[in-house]
Amino acid sequence: MNGKKKVYLCSCEKCLEDPSDPDAQEHERINLMMNTFSERDRRLFAGHLSISMGHGGDSAVAEITGMSPKTIQRGREELEQKKNL
């Protein structure tokens, strides 16, 4: 193995149906960026995305990134409480 982490491929309907869709391209960019982050940075960024999406954000970000909803919730809570920043 070359030491690089494999970039997660989003499994949402838009990404599966049409990778050229603007939302699918955004999901790809999110995963490319997150692949370069530390575990803590991934959690906090996922929390930020969840907050930005509003209701259902944890589930949506989990589908886009492959991260656990509990991890995303933790990142969201840390940001909301300005904890460990």
Protein backbone atom coordinates (compact mmCIF):
# COMPACT_ATOMS: atom_id res chain seq x y z
CA MET A 1 0.00 0.00 0.00
CA ASN A 2 1.27 3.52 -0.78
CA GLY A 3 0.40 5.05 2.61
CA LYS A 4 -2.46 7.18 1.27
CA LYS A 5 -5.91 6.83 2.77
CA LYS A 6 -8.65 5.77 0.40
CA VAL A 7 -11.15 8.57 -0.29
CA TYR A 8 -14.68 7.63 0.74
CA LEU A 9 -17.23 7.54 -2.09
CA CYS A 10 -20.62 8.95 -1.15
CA SER A 11 -23.48 6.50 -1.53
CA CYS A 12 -26.35 8.97 -1.78
CA GLU A 13 -28.81 8.70 -4.64
CA LYS A 14 -27.44 11.73 -6.52
CA CYS A 15 -23.85 10.47 -6.38
CA LEU A 16 -24.85 7.00 -7.54
CA GLU A 17 -27.11 8.24 -10.36
CA ASP A 18 -25.10 11.16 -11.75
CA PRO A 19 -21.55 11.87 -10.53
CA SER A 20 -21.58 15.11 -12.59
CA ASP A 21 -24.49 16.51 -10.55
CA PRO A 22 -23.36 19.63 -8.63
CA ASP A 23 -24.35 18.03 -5.29
CA ALA A 24 -22.40 14.88 -6.17
CA GLN A 25 -19.37 16.98 -7.05
CA GLU A 26 -19.70 18.79 -3.71
CA HIS A 27 -19.81 15.46 -1.88
CA GLU A 28 -16.67 14.37 -3.69
CA ARG A 29 -14.87 17.60 -2.69
CA ILE A 30 -15.98 17.15 0.93
CA ASN A 31 -14.53 13.65 0.99
CA LEU A 32 -11.31 14.71 -0.73
CA MET A 33 -10.80 17.44 1.88
CA MET A 34 -11.73 15.21 4.80
CA ASN A 35 -9.22 12.63 3.63
CA THR A 36 -6.45 15.12 4.49
CA PHE A 37 -7.79 15.97 7.98
CA SER A 38 -6.84 14.51 11.34
CA GLU A 39 -9.50 12.47 13.14
CA ARG A 40 -10.38 15.49 15.32
CA ASP A 41 -10.60 17.83 12.31
CA ARG A 42 -12.82 15.32 10.48
CA ARG A 43 -15.17 15.16 13.46
CA LEU A 44 -15.37 18.94 13.83
CA PHE A 45 -15.84 19.56 10.10
CA ALA A 46 -18.55 16.89 9.96
CA GLY A 47 -20.21 18.58 12.93
CA HIS A 48 -20.06 21.91 11.09
CA LEU A 49 -21.64 20.38 8.00
CA SER A 50 -24.38 18.84 10.14
CA ILE A 51 -25.15 22.17 11.80
CA SER A 52 -25.27 23.86 8.38
CA MET A 53 -27.72 21.27 7.06
CA GLY A 54 -30.10 21.59 9.99
CA HIS A 55 -32.59 18.87 10.95
CA GLY A 56 -31.35 15.47 9.77
CA GLY A 57 -27.83 16.79 9.26
CA ASP A 58 -26.11 14.00 11.21
CA SER A 59 -27.70 11.35 9.01
CA ALA A 60 -27.02 13.25 5.79
CA VAL A 61 -23.36 13.84 6.68
CA ALA A 62 -23.02 10.18 7.67
CA GLU A 63 -24.26 9.13 4.23
CA ILE A 64 -21.96 11.59 2.45
CA THR A 65 -18.82 10.81 4.47
CA GLY A 66 -19.29 7.27 5.77
CA MET A 67 -18.71 8.54 9.31
CA SER A 68 -20.70 7.30 12.28
CA PRO A 69 -23.67 9.52 13.17
CA LYS A 70 -22.48 9.37 16.81
CA THR A 71 -19.09 10.78 15.79
CA ILE A 72 -20.78 13.54 13.80
CA GLN A 73 -23.05 14.29 16.77
CA ARG A 74 -20.00 14.54 19.01
CA GLY A 75 -18.34 17.01 16.62
CA ARG A 76 -21.53 19.05 16.39
CA GLU A 77 -21.87 19.15 20.17
CA GLU A 78 -18.24 20.19 20.59
CA LEU A 79 -18.77 23.09 18.20
CA GLU A 80 -22.06 24.12 19.76
CA GLN A 81 -20.46 24.12 23.22
CA LYS A 82 -17.19 25.59 21.93
CA LYS A 83 -15.57 22.64 23.69
CA ASN A 84 -12.04 21.35 22.95
CA LEU A 85 -11.47 23.95 20.25
